Amino acid sequence: MCFSCTTLLHYLIIGAKHFDHDGRKIYFFSLFIRIVHFFVAVSFSLLVITGLMIIFGKFLGGGVVVRTVRTARYVHIASATVFVLPAFLMLVTWFKKMLFQWHDIKWIFIFGGYLSREKKPVPADKFNAGQKMYFWFATLGGGVMAYSGYIIWGFGAELDTVRIFTMIHNILGVALVAFYLTHLYMSVFAIAGSLESMKTGYKPKAEVDILHSLYKY
């Protein structure tokens, strides 16, 4: 609820950033990384949805809800299995580019310029500090989630161990959902037309010059 109110206020007060999509475009994402990102995005989205269903479904009664939650568990496990390989490929491919630099500190202090309607160049290379934070949470944190989920599923672990890993899984899960929703809002609403770059591989030069001002193309 708080997140919804915050994003709604941001959209109503600040609004989306618009860039000229008819001018020169910069090739930003290769076909390989777009395919990898697609599988990561779909599997991670299913993990978030089914994870929330598993957690809150038990509070909604029995019957159809119970059967739905049971199905959600299997979809959750299948999605986690699909997520692991592309997430690892993404980690290896983007590892160096996702390392934090000094300019990322300034980006954090100014919130990437997203609290202003002005379109001034912000200190970011191919990926900004927000994307880097989400990347490390999604890949390394996703690895921890996968392992803890394996333990929770009950593959020979002691009950006390399962309880500890359940707590880790749930706490980390909350953080990952927060990052996921923020990333979703930024890519779908806060930056108009942003999703096109994951379809075509190209970003408008006007957008790159503002939001990725340190990127050399």
N, C-alpha and C. Protein backbone atom coordinates (compact mmCIF):
# COMPACT_ATOMS: atom_id res chain seq x y z
N MET A 1 0.83 -1.20 0.00
CA MET A 1 0.00 0.00 0.00
C MET A 1 0.87 1.25 0.00
N CYS A 2 1.88 1.27 0.90
CA CYS A 2 2.78 2.43 0.97
C CYS A 2 3.52 2.63 -0.35
N PHE A 3 3.96 1.49 -0.94
CA PHE A 3 4.67 1.57 -2.21
C PHE A 3 3.76 2.13 -3.29
N SER A 4 2.52 1.66 -3.33
CA SER A 4 1.56 2.13 -4.34
C SER A 4 1.33 3.63 -4.21
N CYS A 5 1.18 4.09 -2.96
CA CYS A 5 0.95 5.52 -2.72
C CYS A 5 2.16 6.35 -3.15
N THR A 6 3.36 5.84 -2.84
CA THR A 6 4.59 6.55 -3.18
C THR A 6 4.76 6.68 -4.68
N THR A 7 4.58 5.57 -5.39
CA THR A 7 4.75 5.59 -6.84
C THR A 7 3.66 6.44 -7.51
N LEU A 8 2.45 6.37 -6.97
CA LEU A 8 1.36 7.17 -7.53
C LEU A 8 1.64 8.66 -7.35
N LEU A 9 2.11 9.03 -6.17
CA LEU A 9 2.46 10.43 -5.91
C LEU A 9 3.59 10.89 -6.82
N HIS A 10 4.60 10.01 -6.98
CA HIS A 10 5.72 10.35 -7.86
C HIS A 10 5.23 10.58 -9.28
N TYR A 11 4.37 9.70 -9.75
CA TYR A 11 3.89 9.80 -11.13
C TYR A 11 3.03 11.04 -11.33
N LEU A 12 2.21 11.37 -10.32
CA LEU A 12 1.32 12.52 -10.43
C LEU A 12 2.05 13.85 -10.27
N ILE A 13 3.04 13.88 -9.37
CA ILE A 13 3.75 15.13 -9.09
C ILE A 13 4.93 15.35 -10.03
N ILE A 14 5.77 14.33 -10.17
CA ILE A 14 6.97 14.45 -11.01
C ILE A 14 6.66 14.04 -12.45
N GLY A 15 5.98 12.92 -12.58
CA GLY A 15 5.62 12.43 -13.91
C GLY A 15 6.73 11.62 -14.56
N ALA A 16 6.41 11.03 -15.70
CA ALA A 16 7.38 10.21 -16.43
C ALA A 16 8.36 11.09 -17.19
N LYS A 17 9.54 10.55 -17.41
CA LYS A 17 10.53 11.24 -18.24
C LYS A 17 10.33 10.78 -19.68
N HIS A 18 10.19 11.74 -20.58
CA HIS A 18 9.96 11.42 -21.99
C HIS A 18 11.18 11.82 -22.82
N PHE A 19 11.53 10.94 -23.76
CA PHE A 19 12.66 11.20 -24.65
C PHE A 19 12.24 10.93 -26.09
N ASP A 20 12.92 11.59 -27.01
CA ASP A 20 12.60 11.47 -28.43
C ASP A 20 13.00 10.09 -28.94
N HIS A 21 12.00 9.28 -29.28
CA HIS A 21 12.26 7.93 -29.79
C HIS A 21 12.35 7.90 -31.31
N ASP A 22 12.23 9.05 -31.94
CA ASP A 22 12.29 9.10 -33.40
C ASP A 22 13.67 9.53 -33.92
N GLY A 23 14.51 10.00 -33.01
CA GLY A 23 15.84 10.45 -33.41
C GLY A 23 16.86 9.31 -33.43
N ARG A 24 18.12 9.68 -33.27
CA ARG A 24 19.20 8.69 -33.29
C ARG A 24 19.07 7.73 -32.12
N LYS A 25 19.39 6.45 -32.38
CA LYS A 25 19.31 5.44 -31.34
C LYS A 25 20.69 4.82 -31.10
N ILE A 26 20.91 4.38 -29.87
CA ILE A 26 22.17 3.75 -29.48
C ILE A 26 21.92 2.28 -29.19
N TYR A 27 22.76 1.40 -29.79
CA TYR A 27 22.62 -0.04 -29.53
C TYR A 27 23.11 -0.32 -28.12
N PHE A 28 22.21 -0.75 -27.25
CA PHE A 28 22.50 -0.85 -25.83
C PHE A 28 22.56 -2.29 -25.31
N PHE A 29 21.68 -3.14 -25.81
CA PHE A 29 21.61 -4.52 -25.32
C PHE A 29 21.67 -5.51 -26.48
N SER A 30 22.57 -6.48 -26.38
CA SER A 30 22.72 -7.49 -27.42
C SER A 30 21.53 -8.45 -27.38
N LEU A 31 21.37 -9.22 -28.45
CA LEU A 31 20.28 -10.19 -28.52
C LEU A 31 20.43 -11.22 -27.40
N PHE A 32 21.65 -11.64 -27.15
CA PHE A 32 21.91 -12.64 -26.10
C PHE A 32 21.40 -12.15 -24.75
N ILE A 33 21.77 -10.93 -24.38
CA ILE A 33 21.40 -10.42 -23.06
C ILE A 33 19.90 -10.16 -22.98
N ARG A 34 19.28 -9.82 -24.12
CA ARG A 34 17.83 -9.61 -24.12
C ARG A 34 17.09 -10.92 -23.88
N ILE A 35 17.60 -12.00 -24.46
CA ILE A 35 16.99 -13.32 -24.24
C ILE A 35 17.17 -13.74 -22.79
N VAL A 36 18.38 -13.55 -22.28
CA VAL A 36 18.67 -13.89 -20.88
C VAL A 36 17.77 -13.08 -19.95
N HIS A 37 17.68 -11.78 -20.22
CA HIS A 37 16.84 -10.90 -19.39
C HIS A 37 15.38 -11.32 -19.43
N PHE A 38 14.91 -11.76 -20.60
CA PHE A 38 13.52 -12.20 -20.73
C PHE A 38 13.22 -13.36 -19.79
N PHE A 39 14.11 -14.36 -19.80
CA PHE A 39 13.89 -15.53 -18.94
C PHE A 39 14.01 -15.17 -17.46
N VAL A 40 14.95 -14.28 -17.14
CA VAL A 40 15.08 -13.82 -15.76
C VAL A 40 13.82 -13.07 -15.33
N ALA A 41 13.36 -12.16 -16.19
CA ALA A 41 12.20 -11.33 -15.86
C ALA A 41 10.94 -12.16 -15.67
N VAL A 42 10.69 -13.10 -16.59
CA VAL A 42 9.47 -13.92 -16.50
C VAL A 42 9.51 -14.83 -15.28
N SER A 43 10.63 -15.53 -15.09
CA SER A 43 10.73 -16.46 -13.96
C SER A 43 10.70 -15.71 -12.63
N PHE A 44 11.36 -14.54 -12.57
CA PHE A 44 11.38 -13.77 -11.33
C PHE A 44 9.98 -13.23 -11.02
N SER A 45 9.27 -12.79 -12.06
CA SER A 45 7.90 -12.29 -11.86
C SER A 45 7.00 -13.39 -11.30
N LEU A 46 7.14 -14.60 -11.85
CA LEU A 46 6.36 -15.72 -11.35
C LEU A 46 6.74 -16.07 -9.91
N LEU A 47 8.02 -15.94 -9.59
CA LEU A 47 8.47 -16.20 -8.22
C LEU A 47 7.84 -15.21 -7.25
N VAL A 48 7.78 -13.95 -7.64
CA VAL A 48 7.18 -12.93 -6.78
C VAL A 48 5.69 -13.20 -6.59
N ILE A 49 4.98 -13.45 -7.68
CA ILE A 49 3.53 -13.66 -7.62
C ILE A 49 3.19 -14.90 -6.80
N THR A 50 3.83 -16.02 -7.12
CA THR A 50 3.53 -17.27 -6.41
C THR A 50 4.02 -17.22 -4.96
N GLY A 51 5.12 -16.52 -4.73
CA GLY A 51 5.62 -16.38 -3.36
C GLY A 51 4.61 -15.65 -2.48
N LEU A 52 4.04 -14.58 -3.01
CA LEU A 52 3.02 -13.83 -2.27
C LEU A 52 1.75 -14.67 -2.07
N MET A 53 1.42 -15.48 -3.08
CA MET A 53 0.26 -16.36 -2.96
C MET A 53 0.46 -17.39 -1.85
N ILE A 54 1.67 -17.94 -1.77
CA ILE A 54 1.97 -18.95 -0.75
C ILE A 54 1.90 -18.33 0.65
N ILE A 55 2.44 -17.12 0.79
CA ILE A 55 2.47 -16.46 2.10
C ILE A 55 1.08 -16.04 2.57
N PHE A 56 0.32 -15.41 1.68
CA PHE A 56 -0.96 -14.83 2.09
C PHE A 56 -2.17 -15.71 1.80
N GLY A 57 -1.98 -16.74 0.99
CA GLY A 57 -3.10 -17.61 0.63
C GLY A 57 -3.74 -18.30 1.81
N LYS A 58 -2.92 -18.67 2.80
CA LYS A 58 -3.45 -19.40 3.95
C LYS A 58 -4.38 -18.54 4.82
N PHE A 59 -4.32 -17.23 4.63
CA PHE A 59 -5.19 -16.34 5.40
C PHE A 59 -6.54 -16.10 4.72
N LEU A 60 -6.70 -16.66 3.53
CA LEU A 60 -7.90 -16.38 2.74
C LEU A 60 -8.92 -17.51 2.74
N GLY A 61 -8.68 -18.54 3.55
CA GLY A 61 -9.66 -19.62 3.66
C GLY A 61 -9.23 -20.88 2.96
N GLY A 62 -10.19 -21.82 2.75
CA GLY A 62 -9.87 -23.12 2.18
C GLY A 62 -10.42 -23.28 0.78
N GLY A 63 -10.71 -24.55 0.43
CA GLY A 63 -11.29 -24.84 -0.87
C GLY A 63 -10.41 -24.48 -2.04
N VAL A 64 -10.94 -23.63 -2.90
CA VAL A 64 -10.23 -23.21 -4.11
C VAL A 64 -8.90 -22.54 -3.75
N VAL A 65 -8.90 -21.77 -2.67
CA VAL A 65 -7.68 -21.07 -2.25
C VAL A 65 -6.57 -22.07 -1.93
N VAL A 66 -6.92 -23.13 -1.21
CA VAL A 66 -5.93 -24.15 -0.85
C VAL A 66 -5.36 -24.80 -2.10
N ARG A 67 -6.22 -25.15 -3.04
CA ARG A 67 -5.76 -25.77 -4.28
C ARG A 67 -4.90 -24.81 -5.08
N THR A 68 -5.27 -23.54 -5.07
CA THR A 68 -4.49 -22.53 -5.79
C THR A 68 -3.11 -22.37 -5.18
N VAL A 69 -3.05 -22.35 -3.85
CA VAL A 69 -1.76 -22.22 -3.16
C VAL A 69 -0.89 -23.44 -3.43
N ARG A 70 -1.51 -24.62 -3.46
CA ARG A 70 -0.76 -25.84 -3.74
C ARG A 70 -0.15 -25.77 -5.14
N THR A 71 -0.93 -25.30 -6.10
CA THR A 71 -0.42 -25.13 -7.46
C THR A 71 0.68 -24.08 -7.50
N ALA A 72 0.49 -23.00 -6.74
CA ALA A 72 1.48 -21.92 -6.69
C ALA A 72 2.83 -22.44 -6.20
N ARG A 73 2.81 -23.38 -5.26
CA ARG A 73 4.07 -23.94 -4.74
C ARG A 73 4.86 -24.61 -5.86
N TYR A 74 4.17 -25.39 -6.68
CA TYR A 74 4.86 -26.09 -7.76
C TYR A 74 5.34 -25.12 -8.84
N VAL A 75 4.54 -24.11 -9.13
CA VAL A 75 4.96 -23.09 -10.09
C VAL A 75 6.16 -22.32 -9.54
N HIS A 76 6.15 -22.08 -8.23
CA HIS A 76 7.25 -21.37 -7.56
C HIS A 76 8.55 -22.16 -7.72
N ILE A 77 8.49 -23.45 -7.49
CA ILE A 77 9.69 -24.29 -7.60
C ILE A 77 10.16 -24.37 -9.05
N ALA A 78 9.22 -24.53 -9.98
CA ALA A 78 9.59 -24.59 -11.40
C ALA A 78 10.21 -23.27 -11.85
N SER A 79 9.66 -22.16 -11.40
CA SER A 79 10.18 -20.84 -11.77
C SER A 79 11.58 -20.63 -11.21
N ALA A 80 11.80 -21.11 -9.98
CA ALA A 80 13.12 -20.99 -9.36
C ALA A 80 14.15 -21.78 -10.14
N THR A 81 13.74 -22.95 -10.63
CA THR A 81 14.65 -23.79 -11.42
C THR A 81 15.03 -23.10 -12.72
N VAL A 82 14.03 -22.47 -13.36
CA VAL A 82 14.28 -21.75 -14.62
C VAL A 82 15.15 -20.52 -14.36
N PHE A 83 14.93 -19.85 -13.24
CA PHE A 83 15.62 -18.60 -12.91
C PHE A 83 17.13 -18.77 -12.76
N VAL A 84 17.56 -19.87 -12.19
CA VAL A 84 18.96 -20.05 -11.79
C VAL A 84 19.95 -19.87 -12.94
N LEU A 85 19.76 -20.57 -14.05
CA LEU A 85 20.73 -20.51 -15.16
C LEU A 85 20.82 -19.13 -15.80
N PRO A 86 19.72 -18.52 -16.25
CA PRO A 86 19.85 -17.18 -16.85
C PRO A 86 20.36 -16.14 -15.86
N ALA A 87 20.03 -16.29 -14.58
CA ALA A 87 20.54 -15.35 -13.57
C ALA A 87 22.05 -15.48 -13.45
N PHE A 88 22.54 -16.71 -13.52
CA PHE A 88 23.99 -16.94 -13.48
C PHE A 88 24.66 -16.35 -14.72
N LEU A 89 24.05 -16.55 -15.89
CA LEU A 89 24.60 -15.99 -17.13
C LEU A 89 24.63 -14.47 -17.07
N MET A 90 23.59 -13.88 -16.50
CA MET A 90 23.54 -12.43 -16.34
C MET A 90 24.63 -11.95 -15.39
N LEU A 91 24.84 -12.70 -14.31
CA LEU A 91 25.88 -12.35 -13.34
C LEU A 91 27.25 -12.35 -13.99
N VAL A 92 27.54 -13.37 -14.77
CA VAL A 92 28.84 -13.48 -15.44
C VAL A 92 29.01 -12.40 -16.50
N THR A 93 27.96 -12.17 -17.28
CA THR A 93 28.02 -11.21 -18.39
C THR A 93 28.18 -9.77 -17.90
N TRP A 94 27.46 -9.41 -16.86
CA TRP A 94 27.43 -8.02 -16.40
C TRP A 94 28.27 -7.76 -15.15
N PHE A 95 28.99 -8.75 -14.68
CA PHE A 95 29.71 -8.62 -13.41
C PHE A 95 30.56 -7.35 -13.33
N LYS A 96 31.41 -7.15 -14.31
CA LYS A 96 32.33 -6.01 -14.29
C LYS A 96 31.58 -4.68 -14.39
N LYS A 97 30.59 -4.62 -15.27
CA LYS A 97 29.84 -3.37 -15.47
C LYS A 97 28.97 -3.01 -14.27
N MET A 98 28.68 -4.00 -13.43
CA MET A 98 27.83 -3.76 -12.27
C MET A 98 28.61 -3.42 -11.00
N LEU A 99 29.92 -3.38 -11.09
CA LEU A 99 30.72 -2.99 -9.92
C LEU A 99 30.50 -1.51 -9.64
N PHE A 100 30.39 -1.17 -8.38
CA PHE A 100 30.12 0.23 -8.01
C PHE A 100 31.34 1.12 -8.22
N GLN A 101 31.07 2.33 -8.71
CA GLN A 101 32.10 3.34 -8.95
C GLN A 101 31.79 4.57 -8.09
N TRP A 102 32.76 5.49 -8.03
CA TRP A 102 32.58 6.68 -7.20
C TRP A 102 31.38 7.52 -7.64
N HIS A 103 31.14 7.57 -8.96
CA HIS A 103 30.02 8.40 -9.42
C HIS A 103 28.67 7.86 -8.97
N ASP A 104 28.63 6.58 -8.59
CA ASP A 104 27.37 6.00 -8.13
C ASP A 104 26.91 6.62 -6.81
N ILE A 105 27.87 7.08 -6.02
CA ILE A 105 27.52 7.73 -4.74
C ILE A 105 26.72 9.00 -5.01
N LYS A 106 27.19 9.78 -5.99
CA LYS A 106 26.47 11.02 -6.33
C LYS A 106 25.09 10.69 -6.87
N TRP A 107 25.00 9.64 -7.68
CA TRP A 107 23.70 9.24 -8.24
C TRP A 107 22.72 8.95 -7.11
N ILE A 108 23.20 8.26 -6.08
CA ILE A 108 22.34 7.91 -4.94
C ILE A 108 21.88 9.17 -4.21
N PHE A 109 22.80 10.12 -4.03
CA PHE A 109 22.47 11.35 -3.30
C PHE A 109 21.40 12.18 -4.02
N ILE A 110 21.40 12.12 -5.35
CA ILE A 110 20.40 12.91 -6.10
C ILE A 110 19.24 12.03 -6.58
N PHE A 111 19.20 10.78 -6.09
CA PHE A 111 18.15 9.84 -6.47
C PHE A 111 18.02 9.71 -7.98
N GLY A 112 19.17 9.78 -8.66
CA GLY A 112 19.19 9.60 -10.10
C GLY A 112 18.46 10.67 -10.89
N GLY A 113 18.13 11.77 -10.22
CA GLY A 113 17.40 12.84 -10.90
C GLY A 113 15.92 12.59 -11.03
N TYR A 114 15.44 11.51 -10.42
CA TYR A 114 14.03 11.15 -10.57
C TYR A 114 13.08 11.95 -9.68
N LEU A 115 13.64 12.81 -8.82
CA LEU A 115 12.79 13.65 -7.99
C LEU A 115 12.65 15.05 -8.59
N SER A 116 13.07 15.19 -9.83
CA SER A 116 12.98 16.47 -10.52
C SER A 116 12.37 16.28 -11.91
N ARG A 117 11.63 17.28 -12.35
CA ARG A 117 11.07 17.22 -13.70
C ARG A 117 12.10 17.59 -14.75
N GLU A 118 13.18 18.24 -14.33
CA GLU A 118 14.22 18.65 -15.27
C GLU A 118 14.98 17.43 -15.78
N LYS A 119 15.43 17.53 -17.01
CA LYS A 119 16.21 16.44 -17.60
C LYS A 119 17.67 16.87 -17.72
N LYS A 120 18.37 16.76 -16.59
CA LYS A 120 19.79 17.08 -16.55
C LYS A 120 20.60 15.79 -16.56
N PRO A 121 21.79 15.78 -17.20
CA PRO A 121 22.63 14.58 -17.21
C PRO A 121 22.95 14.13 -15.78
N VAL A 122 22.75 12.84 -15.52
CA VAL A 122 23.05 12.29 -14.20
C VAL A 122 24.27 11.37 -14.32
N PRO A 123 25.07 11.25 -13.24
CA PRO A 123 26.30 10.46 -13.28
C PRO A 123 26.03 8.96 -13.28
N ALA A 124 25.93 8.39 -14.46
CA ALA A 124 25.72 6.95 -14.59
C ALA A 124 26.33 6.47 -15.89
N ASP A 125 26.94 5.28 -15.82
CA ASP A 125 27.50 4.66 -17.01
C ASP A 125 26.37 3.83 -17.65
N LYS A 126 26.69 2.66 -18.16
CA LYS A 126 25.66 1.84 -18.80
C LYS A 126 24.55 1.48 -17.81
N PHE A 127 24.93 1.31 -16.54
CA PHE A 127 23.95 1.01 -15.51
C PHE A 127 24.10 2.00 -14.37
N ASN A 128 22.98 2.45 -13.82
CA ASN A 128 23.05 3.40 -12.72
C ASN A 128 23.11 2.66 -11.38
N ALA A 129 23.29 3.40 -10.31
CA ALA A 129 23.46 2.79 -8.99
C ALA A 129 22.24 1.98 -8.57
N GLY A 130 21.05 2.46 -8.92
CA GLY A 130 19.83 1.73 -8.58
C GLY A 130 19.77 0.39 -9.28
N GLN A 131 20.12 0.37 -10.56
CA GLN A 131 20.14 -0.89 -11.31
C GLN A 131 21.19 -1.84 -10.77
N LYS A 132 22.31 -1.29 -10.33
CA LYS A 132 23.37 -2.12 -9.77
C LYS A 132 22.93 -2.77 -8.47
N MET A 133 22.28 -1.99 -7.61
CA MET A 133 21.80 -2.55 -6.35
C MET A 133 20.80 -3.67 -6.60
N TYR A 134 19.89 -3.44 -7.53
CA TYR A 134 18.89 -4.46 -7.86
C TYR A 134 19.57 -5.70 -8.45
N PHE A 135 20.57 -5.47 -9.29
CA PHE A 135 21.30 -6.57 -9.92
C PHE A 135 21.91 -7.49 -8.88
N TRP A 136 22.62 -6.91 -7.91
CA TRP A 136 23.29 -7.74 -6.90
C TRP A 136 22.29 -8.43 -5.98
N PHE A 137 21.21 -7.76 -5.67
CA PHE A 137 20.18 -8.40 -4.86
C PHE A 137 19.53 -9.55 -5.63
N ALA A 138 19.27 -9.32 -6.93
CA ALA A 138 18.57 -10.32 -7.73
C ALA A 138 19.43 -11.54 -8.04
N THR A 139 20.73 -11.33 -8.28
CA THR A 139 21.61 -12.45 -8.64
C THR A 139 22.16 -13.17 -7.40
N LEU A 140 22.92 -12.44 -6.57
CA LEU A 140 23.47 -13.07 -5.37
C LEU A 140 22.36 -13.39 -4.37
N GLY A 141 21.45 -12.42 -4.19
CA GLY A 141 20.31 -12.67 -3.30
C GLY A 141 19.43 -13.78 -3.83
N GLY A 142 19.28 -13.81 -5.16
CA GLY A 142 18.50 -14.87 -5.77
C GLY A 142 19.12 -16.24 -5.55
N GLY A 143 20.45 -16.28 -5.54
CA GLY A 143 21.15 -17.53 -5.25
C GLY A 143 20.88 -18.01 -3.84
N VAL A 144 20.91 -17.08 -2.89
CA VAL A 144 20.60 -17.41 -1.49
C VAL A 144 19.15 -17.87 -1.37
N MET A 145 18.26 -17.20 -2.09
CA MET A 145 16.85 -17.58 -2.07
C MET A 145 16.65 -18.99 -2.63
N ALA A 146 17.37 -19.31 -3.70
CA ALA A 146 17.26 -20.63 -4.31
C ALA A 146 17.73 -21.71 -3.34
N TYR A 147 18.87 -21.45 -2.69
CA TYR A 147 19.42 -22.44 -1.74
C TYR A 147 18.52 -22.59 -0.52
N SER A 148 18.08 -21.46 0.03
CA SER A 148 17.21 -21.52 1.21
C SER A 148 15.88 -22.18 0.87
N GLY A 149 15.39 -21.93 -0.35
CA GLY A 149 14.16 -22.58 -0.79
C GLY A 149 14.33 -24.08 -0.89
N TYR A 150 15.51 -24.50 -1.35
CA TYR A 150 15.83 -25.94 -1.43
C TYR A 150 15.78 -26.57 -0.05
N ILE A 151 16.35 -25.88 0.94
CA ILE A 151 16.35 -26.39 2.31
C ILE A 151 14.93 -26.43 2.87
N ILE A 152 14.17 -25.36 2.63
CA ILE A 152 12.81 -25.26 3.15
C ILE A 152 11.92 -26.38 2.61
N TRP A 153 12.15 -26.73 1.35
CA TRP A 153 11.31 -27.76 0.71
C TRP A 153 11.42 -29.10 1.44
N GLY A 154 12.47 -29.24 2.27
CA GLY A 154 12.56 -30.41 3.14
C GLY A 154 13.44 -31.53 2.65
N PHE A 155 14.55 -31.19 2.00
CA PHE A 155 15.45 -32.23 1.50
C PHE A 155 16.43 -32.67 2.59
N GLY A 156 15.89 -33.31 3.62
CA GLY A 156 16.73 -33.92 4.65
C GLY A 156 17.26 -32.99 5.71
N ALA A 157 16.79 -31.75 5.77
CA ALA A 157 17.30 -30.79 6.76
C ALA A 157 16.55 -30.94 8.08
N GLU A 158 17.24 -30.61 9.18
CA GLU A 158 16.62 -30.62 10.50
C GLU A 158 15.58 -29.49 10.59
N LEU A 159 14.61 -29.66 11.49
CA LEU A 159 13.53 -28.69 11.63
C LEU A 159 14.06 -27.31 12.01
N ASP A 160 15.02 -27.25 12.93
CA ASP A 160 15.58 -25.96 13.35
C ASP A 160 16.28 -25.26 12.18
N THR A 161 16.95 -26.06 11.35
CA THR A 161 17.63 -25.51 10.17
C THR A 161 16.61 -24.95 9.19
N VAL A 162 15.52 -25.67 9.00
CA VAL A 162 14.45 -25.22 8.11
C VAL A 162 13.87 -23.90 8.60
N ARG A 163 13.69 -23.77 9.91
CA ARG A 163 13.14 -22.54 10.47
C ARG A 163 14.06 -21.34 10.22
N ILE A 164 15.36 -21.56 10.40
CA ILE A 164 16.34 -20.49 10.17
C ILE A 164 16.32 -20.05 8.71
N PHE A 165 16.33 -21.04 7.81
CA PHE A 165 16.35 -20.72 6.39
C PHE A 165 15.02 -20.12 5.92
N THR A 166 13.94 -20.48 6.58
CA THR A 166 12.64 -19.88 6.26
C THR A 166 12.66 -18.39 6.60
N MET A 167 13.24 -18.06 7.75
CA MET A 167 13.35 -16.66 8.15
C MET A 167 14.21 -15.88 7.16
N ILE A 168 15.35 -16.46 6.77
CA ILE A 168 16.23 -15.82 5.79
C ILE A 168 15.49 -15.63 4.46
N HIS A 169 14.79 -16.67 4.04
CA HIS A 169 14.06 -16.65 2.77
C HIS A 169 13.00 -15.54 2.77
N ASN A 170 12.28 -15.43 3.86
CA ASN A 170 11.19 -14.44 3.94
C ASN A 170 11.71 -13.00 4.01
N ILE A 171 12.75 -12.78 4.83
CA ILE A 171 13.30 -11.42 4.98
C ILE A 171 13.92 -10.95 3.66
N LEU A 172 14.74 -11.82 3.06
CA LEU A 172 15.36 -11.47 1.78
C LEU A 172 14.31 -11.32 0.70
N GLY A 173 13.26 -12.13 0.80
CA GLY A 173 12.18 -12.06 -0.18
C GLY A 173 11.48 -10.71 -0.17
N VAL A 174 11.28 -10.15 1.02
CA VAL A 174 10.65 -8.83 1.14
C VAL A 174 11.51 -7.78 0.44
N ALA A 175 12.83 -7.84 0.67
CA ALA A 175 13.75 -6.88 0.04
C ALA A 175 13.73 -7.03 -1.48
N LEU A 176 13.71 -8.26 -1.96
CA LEU A 176 13.71 -8.50 -3.40
C LEU A 176 12.41 -8.03 -4.06
N VAL A 177 11.30 -8.24 -3.38
CA VAL A 177 10.01 -7.77 -3.91
C VAL A 177 10.00 -6.25 -4.01
N ALA A 178 10.57 -5.58 -3.00
CA ALA A 178 10.64 -4.11 -3.02
C ALA A 178 11.46 -3.62 -4.20
N PHE A 179 12.62 -4.26 -4.43
CA PHE A 179 13.46 -3.90 -5.58
C PHE A 179 12.74 -4.21 -6.89
N TYR A 180 12.08 -5.34 -6.94
CA TYR A 180 11.37 -5.76 -8.15
C TYR A 180 10.28 -4.76 -8.52
N LEU A 181 9.48 -4.36 -7.54
CA LEU A 181 8.39 -3.42 -7.80
C LEU A 181 8.93 -2.06 -8.23
N THR A 182 10.03 -1.64 -7.60
CA THR A 182 10.66 -0.37 -7.98
C THR A 182 11.16 -0.43 -9.42
N HIS A 183 11.84 -1.52 -9.75
CA HIS A 183 12.36 -1.71 -11.11
C HIS A 183 11.21 -1.74 -12.12
N LEU A 184 10.13 -2.39 -11.75
CA LEU A 184 8.96 -2.48 -12.63
C LEU A 184 8.36 -1.10 -12.86
N TYR A 185 8.23 -0.33 -11.80
CA TYR A 185 7.67 1.02 -11.92
C TYR A 185 8.55 1.90 -12.80
N MET A 186 9.87 1.83 -12.57
CA MET A 186 10.80 2.68 -13.33
C MET A 186 10.78 2.33 -14.82
N SER A 187 10.76 1.04 -15.12
CA SER A 187 10.85 0.62 -16.52
C SER A 187 9.53 0.75 -17.28
N VAL A 188 8.41 0.66 -16.57
CA VAL A 188 7.10 0.72 -17.24
C VAL A 188 6.50 2.13 -17.23
N PHE A 189 6.67 2.84 -16.11
CA PHE A 189 5.99 4.13 -15.96
C PHE A 189 6.92 5.34 -15.89
N ALA A 190 7.97 5.26 -15.07
CA ALA A 190 8.80 6.45 -14.80
C ALA A 190 9.61 6.91 -16.01
N ILE A 191 9.99 5.97 -16.88
CA ILE A 191 10.72 6.32 -18.10
C ILE A 191 9.89 5.85 -19.29
N ALA A 192 9.22 6.75 -19.93
CA ALA A 192 8.32 6.40 -21.04
C ALA A 192 9.06 5.67 -22.16
N GLY A 193 8.53 4.51 -22.54
CA GLY A 193 9.11 3.76 -23.65
C GLY A 193 10.36 2.97 -23.31
N SER A 194 10.67 2.88 -22.02
CA SER A 194 11.91 2.22 -21.60
C SER A 194 11.96 0.74 -21.99
N LEU A 195 10.82 0.08 -21.97
CA LEU A 195 10.79 -1.35 -22.27
C LEU A 195 11.21 -1.67 -23.70
N GLU A 196 11.12 -0.69 -24.59
CA GLU A 196 11.48 -0.92 -25.99
C GLU A 196 12.93 -1.37 -26.13
N SER A 197 13.80 -0.91 -25.23
CA SER A 197 15.22 -1.27 -25.33
C SER A 197 15.44 -2.76 -25.11
N MET A 198 14.54 -3.40 -24.36
CA MET A 198 14.65 -4.84 -24.14
C MET A 198 13.97 -5.64 -25.25
N LYS A 199 13.30 -4.94 -26.15
CA LYS A 199 12.71 -5.59 -27.32
C LYS A 199 13.64 -5.46 -28.52
N THR A 200 14.13 -4.25 -28.73
CA THR A 200 14.94 -3.97 -29.93
C THR A 200 16.44 -3.92 -29.66
N GLY A 201 16.81 -3.66 -28.41
CA GLY A 201 18.23 -3.51 -28.07
C GLY A 201 18.70 -2.07 -28.14
N TYR A 202 17.84 -1.17 -28.63
CA TYR A 202 18.23 0.23 -28.82
C TYR A 202 17.56 1.17 -27.82
N LYS A 203 18.33 2.17 -27.39
CA LYS A 203 17.81 3.25 -26.57
C LYS A 203 17.94 4.56 -27.34
N PRO A 204 17.02 5.51 -27.14
CA PRO A 204 17.16 6.81 -27.79
C PRO A 204 18.43 7.51 -27.30
N LYS A 205 19.16 8.14 -28.20
CA LYS A 205 20.38 8.87 -27.82
C LYS A 205 20.06 9.92 -26.76
N ALA A 206 18.91 10.56 -26.89
CA ALA A 206 18.51 11.60 -25.93
C ALA A 206 18.41 11.03 -24.52
N GLU A 207 17.92 9.80 -24.40
CA GLU A 207 17.80 9.15 -23.10
C GLU A 207 19.17 8.77 -22.55
N VAL A 208 20.02 8.22 -23.41
CA VAL A 208 21.36 7.82 -22.99
C VAL A 208 22.16 9.02 -22.51
N ASP A 209 22.07 10.12 -23.23
CA ASP A 209 22.83 11.33 -22.88
C ASP A 209 22.42 11.90 -21.53
N ILE A 210 21.19 11.66 -21.12
CA ILE A 210 20.70 12.18 -19.83
C ILE A 210 20.86 11.15 -18.71
N LEU A 211 20.34 9.97 -18.91
CA LEU A 211 20.31 8.97 -17.84
C LEU A 211 21.56 8.11 -17.75
N HIS A 212 22.37 8.12 -18.81
CA HIS A 212 23.62 7.34 -18.82
C HIS A 212 24.73 8.22 -19.39
N SER A 213 24.89 9.39 -18.80
CA SER A 213 25.76 10.43 -19.37
C SER A 213 27.23 10.02 -19.45
N LEU A 214 27.66 9.03 -18.68
CA LEU A 214 29.07 8.60 -18.70
C LEU A 214 29.31 7.43 -19.65
N TYR A 215 28.26 6.95 -20.28
CA TYR A 215 28.39 5.81 -21.18
C TYR A 215 29.04 6.23 -22.49
N LYS A 216 30.07 5.50 -22.90
CA LYS A 216 30.79 5.79 -24.14
C LYS A 216 30.23 4.91 -25.26
N TYR A 217 29.63 5.53 -26.24
CA TYR A 217 29.07 4.76 -27.36
C TYR A 217 29.75 5.16 -28.66
